[in-house]
Amino acid sequence: MNERKEKRLVYTREEMFEFNKKTLEERGVTIEAIADITYFQQSRYTQNVSRNVCQESVEKILSLRDVFHHVQLAVEIDRLAEEGLLRGPIQDIIHDDLGLFGVDEVMGLDVAGLYGIIGQTNFGDIDVNKHGIVQDLNNAGKKEGICHTFLDDIVGAIAAAASTRVAQILNEEIANELSGVKRLSIYDFID
């Protein structure tokens, strides 16, 4: 008797993070490499940005459901193009990363847009100037048999969203200091 495997469509944030981390690592992308772009992006505007908060922000972004879907789809499209499994003209358009093909940037803008227009602006900068791992992915994607058409944009978008998240965290801390708000923890109530 054939047992039918039960479909599973939703995952916890921790599971989505782990899937994304594994999927990206399989394509040569580490959280640290994305955090480096986040740090570079944000340190130009804010002094004393911590690499830890940059990495934490990348991890947070990678645990979001929309980002999970984007990462998984982007990597799968690139893989299919590498294996020549897409049909018609779209196979060559995606595999060769045609400059006039903008669907990959649209996916990137969608991810970066989770943090508003500033996230999208940060993505535009990363997409045009190709910092860090984004540059590495873009260069590798030009080699025969390798396709990073979607991956480089998704990675750049994750870094852009994380950079914007870092800015929001830092600005919230500044606002709290200026308003005299003291953050309390449970330990403030223990004698």
N, C-alpha and C. Protein backbone atom coordinates (compact mmCIF):
# COMPACT_ATOMS: atom_id res chain seq x y z
N MET A 1 0.84 -1.17 0.00
CA MET A 1 0.00 0.00 0.00
C MET A 1 0.89 1.24 0.00
N ASN A 2 0.61 2.17 -0.87
CA ASN A 2 1.38 3.41 -0.94
C ASN A 2 0.96 4.37 0.14
N GLU A 3 1.94 4.80 0.91
CA GLU A 3 1.66 5.83 1.90
C GLU A 3 1.88 7.18 1.25
N ARG A 4 0.92 8.04 1.39
CA ARG A 4 1.03 9.38 0.82
C ARG A 4 1.64 10.30 1.87
N LYS A 5 2.71 10.95 1.46
CA LYS A 5 3.37 11.89 2.37
C LYS A 5 2.46 13.10 2.57
N GLU A 6 2.27 13.44 3.80
CA GLU A 6 1.43 14.59 4.15
C GLU A 6 2.11 15.88 3.71
N LYS A 7 1.38 16.71 3.01
CA LYS A 7 1.91 18.01 2.59
C LYS A 7 1.98 18.94 3.79
N ARG A 8 3.01 19.74 3.78
CA ARG A 8 3.15 20.75 4.83
C ARG A 8 3.42 22.07 4.14
N LEU A 9 2.59 23.05 4.42
CA LEU A 9 2.69 24.33 3.73
C LEU A 9 3.17 25.48 4.60
N VAL A 10 3.05 25.33 5.90
CA VAL A 10 3.47 26.41 6.79
C VAL A 10 4.51 25.90 7.78
N TYR A 11 5.40 26.80 8.15
CA TYR A 11 6.51 26.47 9.03
C TYR A 11 6.64 27.55 10.09
N THR A 12 7.29 27.20 11.18
CA THR A 12 7.55 28.18 12.24
C THR A 12 8.64 29.13 11.77
N ARG A 13 8.76 30.24 12.48
CA ARG A 13 9.81 31.21 12.13
C ARG A 13 11.19 30.56 12.24
N GLU A 14 11.40 29.75 13.26
CA GLU A 14 12.69 29.08 13.43
C GLU A 14 12.96 28.13 12.27
N GLU A 15 11.94 27.39 11.86
CA GLU A 15 12.11 26.48 10.72
C GLU A 15 12.40 27.24 9.43
N MET A 16 11.67 28.34 9.22
CA MET A 16 11.91 29.13 8.01
C MET A 16 13.33 29.69 8.00
N PHE A 17 13.78 30.18 9.15
CA PHE A 17 15.15 30.68 9.26
C PHE A 17 16.14 29.58 8.90
N GLU A 18 15.96 28.39 9.47
CA GLU A 18 16.89 27.29 9.22
C GLU A 18 16.87 26.86 7.76
N PHE A 19 15.68 26.78 7.16
CA PHE A 19 15.60 26.46 5.73
C PHE A 19 16.34 27.50 4.90
N ASN A 20 16.10 28.78 5.18
CA ASN A 20 16.75 29.85 4.42
C ASN A 20 18.26 29.81 4.60
N LYS A 21 18.70 29.64 5.83
CA LYS A 21 20.13 29.57 6.11
C LYS A 21 20.78 28.44 5.31
N LYS A 22 20.16 27.25 5.36
CA LYS A 22 20.70 26.09 4.65
C LYS A 22 20.68 26.32 3.14
N THR A 23 19.59 26.83 2.63
CA THR A 23 19.46 27.08 1.19
C THR A 23 20.52 28.06 0.72
N LEU A 24 20.71 29.14 1.46
CA LEU A 24 21.72 30.13 1.08
C LEU A 24 23.13 29.56 1.19
N GLU A 25 23.41 28.82 2.24
CA GLU A 25 24.74 28.22 2.40
C GLU A 25 25.05 27.26 1.26
N GLU A 26 24.03 26.52 0.81
CA GLU A 26 24.23 25.61 -0.33
C GLU A 26 24.63 26.37 -1.58
N ARG A 27 24.26 27.65 -1.65
CA ARG A 27 24.61 28.49 -2.80
C ARG A 27 25.82 29.38 -2.51
N GLY A 28 26.50 29.14 -1.39
CA GLY A 28 27.72 29.86 -1.08
C GLY A 28 27.54 31.17 -0.35
N VAL A 29 26.36 31.39 0.23
CA VAL A 29 26.06 32.64 0.92
C VAL A 29 25.90 32.38 2.41
N THR A 30 26.67 33.10 3.22
CA THR A 30 26.54 32.96 4.67
C THR A 30 25.81 34.17 5.25
N ILE A 31 25.29 33.98 6.44
CA ILE A 31 24.65 35.08 7.16
C ILE A 31 25.67 36.18 7.41
N GLU A 32 26.89 35.79 7.73
CA GLU A 32 27.95 36.77 8.01
C GLU A 32 28.24 37.63 6.78
N ALA A 33 28.23 37.02 5.59
CA ALA A 33 28.48 37.78 4.37
C ALA A 33 27.38 38.80 4.11
N ILE A 34 26.13 38.42 4.40
CA ILE A 34 25.02 39.37 4.25
C ILE A 34 25.14 40.46 5.31
N ALA A 35 25.49 40.07 6.53
CA ALA A 35 25.66 41.04 7.61
C ALA A 35 26.78 42.03 7.30
N ASP A 36 27.81 41.59 6.57
CA ASP A 36 28.89 42.51 6.18
C ASP A 36 28.34 43.64 5.29
N ILE A 37 27.45 43.29 4.37
CA ILE A 37 26.85 44.32 3.52
C ILE A 37 25.96 45.23 4.36
N THR A 38 25.20 44.64 5.26
CA THR A 38 24.35 45.42 6.16
C THR A 38 25.19 46.41 6.96
N TYR A 39 26.29 45.93 7.50
CA TYR A 39 27.19 46.78 8.27
C TYR A 39 27.76 47.90 7.40
N PHE A 40 28.25 47.55 6.23
CA PHE A 40 28.80 48.55 5.31
C PHE A 40 27.75 49.61 4.99
N GLN A 41 26.55 49.15 4.68
CA GLN A 41 25.47 50.05 4.30
C GLN A 41 25.14 51.02 5.43
N GLN A 42 25.00 50.50 6.64
CA GLN A 42 24.55 51.32 7.76
C GLN A 42 25.66 52.14 8.39
N SER A 43 26.88 51.63 8.37
CA SER A 43 27.98 52.35 9.02
C SER A 43 28.33 53.65 8.30
N ARG A 44 27.89 53.79 7.07
CA ARG A 44 28.11 55.04 6.34
C ARG A 44 27.26 56.18 6.89
N TYR A 45 26.19 55.82 7.58
CA TYR A 45 25.24 56.82 8.06
C TYR A 45 25.20 56.93 9.58
N THR A 46 25.63 55.89 10.26
CA THR A 46 25.50 55.84 11.71
C THR A 46 26.81 55.38 12.32
N GLN A 47 27.29 56.15 13.31
CA GLN A 47 28.51 55.76 14.00
C GLN A 47 28.21 54.62 14.97
N ASN A 48 29.23 53.88 15.28
CA ASN A 48 29.17 52.84 16.31
C ASN A 48 28.13 51.76 16.03
N VAL A 49 27.94 51.43 14.77
CA VAL A 49 27.04 50.32 14.44
C VAL A 49 27.75 49.03 14.82
N SER A 50 27.05 48.17 15.50
CA SER A 50 27.64 46.90 15.93
C SER A 50 27.38 45.83 14.88
N ARG A 51 28.40 45.02 14.63
CA ARG A 51 28.23 43.90 13.69
C ARG A 51 27.20 42.90 14.23
N ASN A 52 27.12 42.80 15.56
CA ASN A 52 26.15 41.88 16.15
C ASN A 52 24.72 42.26 15.81
N VAL A 53 24.40 43.56 15.90
CA VAL A 53 23.04 43.98 15.58
C VAL A 53 22.77 43.80 14.09
N CYS A 54 23.79 43.92 13.26
CA CYS A 54 23.63 43.68 11.82
C CYS A 54 23.32 42.21 11.56
N GLN A 55 24.08 41.33 12.20
CA GLN A 55 23.83 39.89 12.01
C GLN A 55 22.47 39.50 12.57
N GLU A 56 22.13 40.03 13.72
CA GLU A 56 20.82 39.75 14.33
C GLU A 56 19.70 40.20 13.39
N SER A 57 19.88 41.33 12.75
CA SER A 57 18.86 41.83 11.83
C SER A 57 18.74 40.94 10.60
N VAL A 58 19.85 40.48 10.06
CA VAL A 58 19.80 39.55 8.93
C VAL A 58 19.04 38.29 9.34
N GLU A 59 19.34 37.76 10.51
CA GLU A 59 18.66 36.56 10.99
C GLU A 59 17.17 36.79 11.14
N LYS A 60 16.80 37.94 11.65
CA LYS A 60 15.38 38.28 11.81
C LYS A 60 14.69 38.31 10.44
N ILE A 61 15.33 38.97 9.47
CA ILE A 61 14.75 39.07 8.13
C ILE A 61 14.57 37.67 7.54
N LEU A 62 15.56 36.80 7.74
CA LEU A 62 15.50 35.45 7.18
C LEU A 62 14.43 34.58 7.83
N SER A 63 13.86 35.01 8.94
CA SER A 63 12.82 34.23 9.61
C SER A 63 11.41 34.66 9.20
N LEU A 64 11.31 35.69 8.37
CA LEU A 64 10.00 36.20 7.96
C LEU A 64 9.39 35.33 6.85
N ARG A 65 8.10 35.11 6.92
CA ARG A 65 7.42 34.23 5.97
C ARG A 65 7.57 34.70 4.52
N ASP A 66 7.35 35.99 4.25
CA ASP A 66 7.49 36.50 2.89
C ASP A 66 8.91 36.29 2.37
N VAL A 67 9.89 36.52 3.21
CA VAL A 67 11.28 36.35 2.81
C VAL A 67 11.58 34.87 2.57
N PHE A 68 11.03 34.02 3.40
CA PHE A 68 11.18 32.56 3.21
C PHE A 68 10.71 32.17 1.82
N HIS A 69 9.53 32.64 1.44
CA HIS A 69 9.00 32.31 0.12
C HIS A 69 9.88 32.86 -0.99
N HIS A 70 10.34 34.09 -0.83
CA HIS A 70 11.19 34.70 -1.86
C HIS A 70 12.52 33.97 -2.01
N VAL A 71 13.17 33.66 -0.90
CA VAL A 71 14.47 32.98 -0.95
C VAL A 71 14.31 31.61 -1.61
N GLN A 72 13.33 30.85 -1.16
CA GLN A 72 13.15 29.51 -1.70
C GLN A 72 12.82 29.55 -3.20
N LEU A 73 11.96 30.47 -3.62
CA LEU A 73 11.60 30.57 -5.03
C LEU A 73 12.79 31.06 -5.86
N ALA A 74 13.48 32.07 -5.39
CA ALA A 74 14.60 32.63 -6.14
C ALA A 74 15.68 31.59 -6.39
N VAL A 75 16.05 30.87 -5.36
CA VAL A 75 17.10 29.86 -5.50
C VAL A 75 16.63 28.73 -6.42
N GLU A 76 15.37 28.36 -6.31
CA GLU A 76 14.86 27.28 -7.16
C GLU A 76 14.83 27.70 -8.63
N ILE A 77 14.45 28.93 -8.92
CA ILE A 77 14.45 29.40 -10.31
C ILE A 77 15.87 29.38 -10.87
N ASP A 78 16.82 29.89 -10.09
CA ASP A 78 18.22 29.86 -10.55
C ASP A 78 18.70 28.43 -10.79
N ARG A 79 18.35 27.53 -9.88
CA ARG A 79 18.77 26.13 -10.04
C ARG A 79 18.18 25.52 -11.30
N LEU A 80 16.90 25.76 -11.53
CA LEU A 80 16.25 25.24 -12.74
C LEU A 80 16.92 25.79 -14.00
N ALA A 81 17.27 27.06 -13.98
CA ALA A 81 17.96 27.66 -15.13
C ALA A 81 19.35 27.04 -15.32
N GLU A 82 20.06 26.80 -14.23
CA GLU A 82 21.38 26.15 -14.33
C GLU A 82 21.27 24.77 -14.97
N GLU A 83 20.22 24.06 -14.64
CA GLU A 83 20.03 22.70 -15.15
C GLU A 83 19.34 22.68 -16.52
N GLY A 84 19.02 23.87 -17.06
CA GLY A 84 18.38 23.94 -18.37
C GLY A 84 16.96 23.42 -18.37
N LEU A 85 16.27 23.52 -17.25
CA LEU A 85 14.94 22.94 -17.12
C LEU A 85 13.79 23.91 -17.37
N LEU A 86 14.11 25.16 -17.65
CA LEU A 86 13.05 26.11 -17.99
C LEU A 86 12.79 25.99 -19.49
N ARG A 87 11.63 26.42 -19.94
CA ARG A 87 11.28 26.29 -21.35
C ARG A 87 11.44 27.61 -22.09
N GLY A 88 11.59 27.47 -23.37
CA GLY A 88 11.53 28.61 -24.29
C GLY A 88 12.58 29.67 -24.03
N PRO A 89 12.27 30.86 -24.46
CA PRO A 89 13.25 31.94 -24.36
C PRO A 89 13.57 32.33 -22.92
N ILE A 90 12.67 32.04 -21.98
CA ILE A 90 12.92 32.44 -20.58
C ILE A 90 14.13 31.71 -20.01
N GLN A 91 14.42 30.50 -20.51
CA GLN A 91 15.60 29.76 -20.07
C GLN A 91 16.87 30.58 -20.28
N ASP A 92 17.07 31.07 -21.48
CA ASP A 92 18.28 31.83 -21.78
C ASP A 92 18.26 33.21 -21.13
N ILE A 93 17.09 33.82 -21.09
CA ILE A 93 16.97 35.15 -20.48
C ILE A 93 17.39 35.10 -19.01
N ILE A 94 16.89 34.10 -18.29
CA ILE A 94 17.24 33.98 -16.87
C ILE A 94 18.67 33.49 -16.71
N HIS A 95 19.05 32.46 -17.44
CA HIS A 95 20.39 31.89 -17.28
C HIS A 95 21.47 32.94 -17.54
N ASP A 96 21.26 33.77 -18.56
CA ASP A 96 22.28 34.77 -18.94
C ASP A 96 22.06 36.11 -18.25
N ASP A 97 21.06 36.21 -17.40
CA ASP A 97 20.77 37.43 -16.62
C ASP A 97 20.66 38.66 -17.52
N LEU A 98 19.76 38.57 -18.49
CA LEU A 98 19.53 39.68 -19.41
C LEU A 98 19.27 40.96 -18.63
N GLY A 99 20.00 42.03 -18.97
CA GLY A 99 19.87 43.30 -18.26
C GLY A 99 18.47 43.90 -18.30
N LEU A 100 17.71 43.62 -19.34
CA LEU A 100 16.35 44.16 -19.45
C LEU A 100 15.31 43.31 -18.72
N PHE A 101 15.73 42.18 -18.19
CA PHE A 101 14.84 41.32 -17.40
C PHE A 101 14.83 41.88 -15.98
N GLY A 102 13.70 42.36 -15.52
CA GLY A 102 13.66 43.03 -14.23
C GLY A 102 12.90 42.29 -13.15
N VAL A 103 12.46 41.08 -13.41
CA VAL A 103 11.66 40.34 -12.43
C VAL A 103 12.49 40.05 -11.18
N ASP A 104 13.78 39.80 -11.36
CA ASP A 104 14.64 39.55 -10.21
C ASP A 104 14.73 40.79 -9.32
N GLU A 105 14.82 41.97 -9.92
CA GLU A 105 14.83 43.21 -9.14
C GLU A 105 13.49 43.46 -8.47
N VAL A 106 12.41 43.08 -9.13
CA VAL A 106 11.08 43.24 -8.52
C VAL A 106 10.98 42.40 -7.26
N MET A 107 11.50 41.18 -7.32
CA MET A 107 11.49 40.34 -6.12
C MET A 107 12.34 40.98 -5.02
N GLY A 108 13.49 41.53 -5.41
CA GLY A 108 14.35 42.20 -4.44
C GLY A 108 13.67 43.41 -3.83
N LEU A 109 13.02 44.21 -4.66
CA LEU A 109 12.29 45.38 -4.16
C LEU A 109 11.18 44.97 -3.20
N ASP A 110 10.55 43.85 -3.48
CA ASP A 110 9.48 43.37 -2.60
C ASP A 110 10.02 43.02 -1.23
N VAL A 111 11.14 42.32 -1.18
CA VAL A 111 11.75 41.97 0.10
C VAL A 111 12.21 43.22 0.83
N ALA A 112 12.94 44.08 0.14
CA ALA A 112 13.44 45.31 0.77
C ALA A 112 12.28 46.20 1.19
N GLY A 113 11.18 46.16 0.45
CA GLY A 113 10.01 46.97 0.75
C GLY A 113 9.31 46.61 2.04
N LEU A 114 9.67 45.46 2.63
CA LEU A 114 9.12 45.13 3.94
C LEU A 114 9.52 46.20 4.96
N TYR A 115 10.58 46.95 4.65
CA TYR A 115 11.03 48.04 5.51
C TYR A 115 10.88 49.38 4.79
N GLY A 116 9.84 49.49 3.97
CA GLY A 116 9.44 50.76 3.38
C GLY A 116 10.37 51.26 2.29
N ILE A 117 10.17 52.50 1.95
CA ILE A 117 10.90 53.12 0.86
C ILE A 117 12.39 53.21 1.16
N ILE A 118 12.77 53.35 2.43
CA ILE A 118 14.19 53.39 2.77
C ILE A 118 14.82 52.03 2.49
N GLY A 119 14.12 50.96 2.80
CA GLY A 119 14.61 49.63 2.47
C GLY A 119 14.81 49.48 0.97
N GLN A 120 13.86 49.98 0.19
CA GLN A 120 13.98 49.89 -1.26
C GLN A 120 15.12 50.77 -1.78
N THR A 121 15.31 51.94 -1.18
CA THR A 121 16.42 52.80 -1.57
C THR A 121 17.75 52.12 -1.25
N ASN A 122 17.84 51.51 -0.08
CA ASN A 122 19.06 50.76 0.26
C ASN A 122 19.30 49.63 -0.73
N PHE A 123 18.24 48.95 -1.13
CA PHE A 123 18.38 47.88 -2.12
C PHE A 123 18.90 48.43 -3.44
N GLY A 124 18.37 49.57 -3.87
CA GLY A 124 18.83 50.17 -5.12
C GLY A 124 20.32 50.44 -5.10
N ASP A 125 20.81 50.95 -3.97
CA ASP A 125 22.24 51.22 -3.82
C ASP A 125 23.04 49.91 -3.91
N ILE A 126 22.59 48.91 -3.19
CA ILE A 126 23.31 47.63 -3.19
C ILE A 126 23.26 46.99 -4.58
N ASP A 127 22.11 47.08 -5.24
CA ASP A 127 21.95 46.47 -6.56
C ASP A 127 22.85 47.15 -7.58
N VAL A 128 22.96 48.45 -7.51
CA VAL A 128 23.77 49.18 -8.49
C VAL A 128 25.26 49.05 -8.18
N ASN A 129 25.63 49.18 -6.91
CA ASN A 129 27.05 49.21 -6.53
C ASN A 129 27.62 47.84 -6.17
N LYS A 130 26.78 46.85 -6.03
CA LYS A 130 27.19 45.46 -5.84
C LYS A 130 28.27 45.28 -4.78
N HIS A 131 27.89 45.48 -3.55
CA HIS A 131 28.80 45.32 -2.42
C HIS A 131 28.99 43.86 -2.05
N GLY A 132 30.18 43.51 -1.57
CA GLY A 132 30.47 42.22 -0.93
C GLY A 132 30.01 41.00 -1.70
N ILE A 133 29.27 40.14 -1.00
CA ILE A 133 28.83 38.87 -1.56
C ILE A 133 27.94 39.08 -2.78
N VAL A 134 27.23 40.20 -2.86
CA VAL A 134 26.40 40.47 -4.04
C VAL A 134 27.28 40.57 -5.28
N GLN A 135 28.42 41.24 -5.15
CA GLN A 135 29.38 41.34 -6.27
C GLN A 135 29.93 39.95 -6.62
N ASP A 136 30.26 39.18 -5.59
CA ASP A 136 30.78 37.83 -5.82
C ASP A 136 29.77 36.96 -6.56
N LEU A 137 28.51 37.03 -6.14
CA LEU A 137 27.45 36.25 -6.79
C LEU A 137 27.24 36.71 -8.23
N ASN A 138 27.24 38.01 -8.43
CA ASN A 138 27.05 38.56 -9.77
C ASN A 138 28.18 38.10 -10.70
N ASN A 139 29.41 38.17 -10.22
CA ASN A 139 30.55 37.74 -11.04
C ASN A 139 30.49 36.24 -11.33
N ALA A 140 30.22 35.44 -10.31
CA ALA A 140 30.14 33.99 -10.50
C ALA A 140 29.01 33.62 -11.45
N GLY A 141 27.92 34.38 -11.41
CA GLY A 141 26.77 34.10 -12.27
C GLY A 141 27.04 34.33 -13.75
N LYS A 142 28.14 34.96 -14.07
CA LYS A 142 28.50 35.19 -15.47
C LYS A 142 29.26 33.99 -16.06
N LYS A 143 29.65 33.05 -15.21
CA LYS A 143 30.37 31.87 -15.67
C LYS A 143 29.37 30.86 -16.24
N GLU A 144 29.81 30.13 -17.22
CA GLU A 144 28.96 29.13 -17.86
C GLU A 144 28.48 28.10 -16.84
N GLY A 145 27.20 27.82 -16.86
CA GLY A 145 26.63 26.80 -15.99
C GLY A 145 26.22 27.29 -14.61
N ILE A 146 26.49 28.56 -14.31
CA ILE A 146 26.11 29.11 -13.01
C ILE A 146 25.08 30.21 -13.23
N CYS A 147 24.01 30.17 -12.47
CA CYS A 147 22.97 31.19 -12.57
C CYS A 147 22.70 31.75 -11.18
N HIS A 148 22.91 33.05 -11.05
CA HIS A 148 22.59 33.76 -9.82
C HIS A 148 21.69 34.96 -10.11
N THR A 149 20.90 34.86 -11.16
CA THR A 149 20.05 35.97 -11.57
C THR A 149 19.17 36.45 -10.44
N PHE A 150 18.53 35.55 -9.74
CA PHE A 150 17.64 35.93 -8.65
C PHE A 150 18.39 36.01 -7.32
N LEU A 151 19.37 35.14 -7.13
CA LEU A 151 20.05 35.06 -5.84
C LEU A 151 20.74 36.36 -5.46
N ASP A 152 21.47 36.98 -6.38
CA ASP A 152 22.20 38.20 -6.01
C ASP A 152 21.24 39.30 -5.58
N ASP A 153 20.08 39.39 -6.23
CA ASP A 153 19.10 40.41 -5.85
C ASP A 153 18.43 40.11 -4.52
N ILE A 154 18.12 38.85 -4.27
CA ILE A 154 17.50 38.49 -2.99
C ILE A 154 18.47 38.73 -1.85
N VAL A 155 19.72 38.35 -2.03
CA VAL A 155 20.73 38.58 -0.99
C VAL A 155 20.90 40.07 -0.73
N GLY A 156 20.98 40.87 -1.80
CA GLY A 156 21.08 42.31 -1.64
C GLY A 156 19.87 42.89 -0.93
N ALA A 157 18.70 42.36 -1.24
CA ALA A 157 17.47 42.84 -0.61
C ALA A 157 17.41 42.50 0.87
N ILE A 158 17.90 41.33 1.23
CA ILE A 158 17.94 40.94 2.64
C ILE A 158 18.87 41.88 3.39
N ALA A 159 20.04 42.17 2.81
CA ALA A 159 20.97 43.10 3.44
C ALA A 159 20.36 44.50 3.55
N ALA A 160 19.63 44.92 2.53
CA ALA A 160 19.00 46.25 2.55
C ALA A 160 17.92 46.33 3.63
N ALA A 161 17.10 45.29 3.73
CA ALA A 161 16.06 45.27 4.76
C ALA A 161 16.70 45.24 6.14
N ALA A 162 17.75 44.44 6.30
CA ALA A 162 18.44 44.36 7.59
C ALA A 162 19.07 45.70 7.96
N SER A 163 19.65 46.37 6.98
CA SER A 163 20.25 47.69 7.22
C SER A 163 19.20 48.69 7.70
N THR A 164 18.04 48.65 7.08
CA THR A 164 16.96 49.55 7.48
C THR A 164 16.46 49.19 8.87
N ARG A 165 16.39 47.91 9.17
CA ARG A 165 16.00 47.48 10.52
C ARG A 165 17.00 47.99 11.55
N VAL A 166 18.29 47.90 11.24
CA VAL A 166 19.32 48.41 12.14
C VAL A 166 19.11 49.90 12.40
N ALA A 167 18.86 50.66 11.34
CA ALA A 167 18.62 52.10 11.50
C ALA A 167 17.42 52.36 12.39
N GLN A 168 16.37 51.58 12.23
CA GLN A 168 15.18 51.76 13.06
C GLN A 168 15.47 51.45 14.52
N ILE A 169 16.21 50.40 14.77
CA ILE A 169 16.57 50.04 16.15
C ILE A 169 17.39 51.16 16.78
N LEU A 170 18.40 51.63 16.06
CA LEU A 170 19.28 52.68 16.60
C LEU A 170 18.51 53.98 16.84
N ASN A 171 17.62 54.32 15.93
CA ASN A 171 16.84 55.55 16.10
C ASN A 171 15.84 55.43 17.24
N GLU A 172 15.31 54.25 17.47
CA GLU A 172 14.41 54.04 18.61
C GLU A 172 15.17 54.23 19.92
N GLU A 173 16.40 53.71 19.95
CA GLU A 173 17.22 53.90 21.15
C GLU A 173 17.52 55.38 21.39
N ILE A 174 17.83 56.11 20.33
CA ILE A 174 18.09 57.55 20.46
C ILE A 174 16.83 58.28 20.94
N ALA A 175 15.69 57.94 20.36
CA ALA A 175 14.44 58.58 20.75
C ALA A 175 14.12 58.31 22.21
N ASN A 176 14.35 57.09 22.68
CA ASN A 176 14.11 56.76 24.08
C ASN A 176 15.02 57.56 25.00
N GLU A 177 16.29 57.70 24.61
CA GLU A 177 17.23 58.48 25.42
C GLU A 177 16.80 59.95 25.49
N LEU A 178 16.42 60.50 24.35
CA LEU A 178 16.03 61.91 24.30
C LEU A 178 14.75 62.19 25.07
N SER A 179 13.85 61.23 25.11
CA SER A 179 12.59 61.44 25.81
C SER A 179 12.67 61.07 27.28
N GLY A 180 13.80 60.53 27.69
CA GLY A 180 13.97 60.15 29.08
C GLY A 180 13.33 58.82 29.44
N VAL A 181 12.90 58.08 28.44
CA VAL A 181 12.29 56.78 28.68
C VAL A 181 13.38 55.80 29.07
N LYS A 182 13.15 55.15 30.19
CA LYS A 182 14.11 54.14 30.64
C LYS A 182 13.51 52.77 30.34
N ARG A 183 14.26 51.99 29.63
CA ARG A 183 13.80 50.64 29.34
C ARG A 183 13.96 49.79 30.59
N LEU A 184 12.92 49.09 30.94
CA LEU A 184 12.94 48.22 32.11
C LEU A 184 13.05 46.77 31.68
N SER A 185 13.64 46.01 32.52
CA SER A 185 13.65 44.57 32.30
C SER A 185 13.08 43.92 33.56
N ILE A 186 12.85 42.66 33.50
CA ILE A 186 12.31 41.94 34.64
C ILE A 186 13.25 42.04 35.85
N TYR A 187 14.54 42.19 35.58
CA TYR A 187 15.52 42.25 36.65
C TYR A 187 15.41 43.55 37.45
N ASP A 188 14.76 44.57 36.91
CA ASP A 188 14.56 45.82 37.63
C ASP A 188 13.56 45.65 38.78
N PHE A 189 12.79 44.57 38.77
CA PHE A 189 11.76 44.36 39.76
C PHE A 189 12.16 43.34 40.84
N ILE A 190 13.35 42.77 40.67
CA ILE A 190 13.82 41.76 41.62
C ILE A 190 14.63 42.43 42.70
N ASP A 191 14.30 42.12 43.95
CA ASP A 191 15.07 42.69 45.09
C ASP A 191 16.35 41.97 45.30
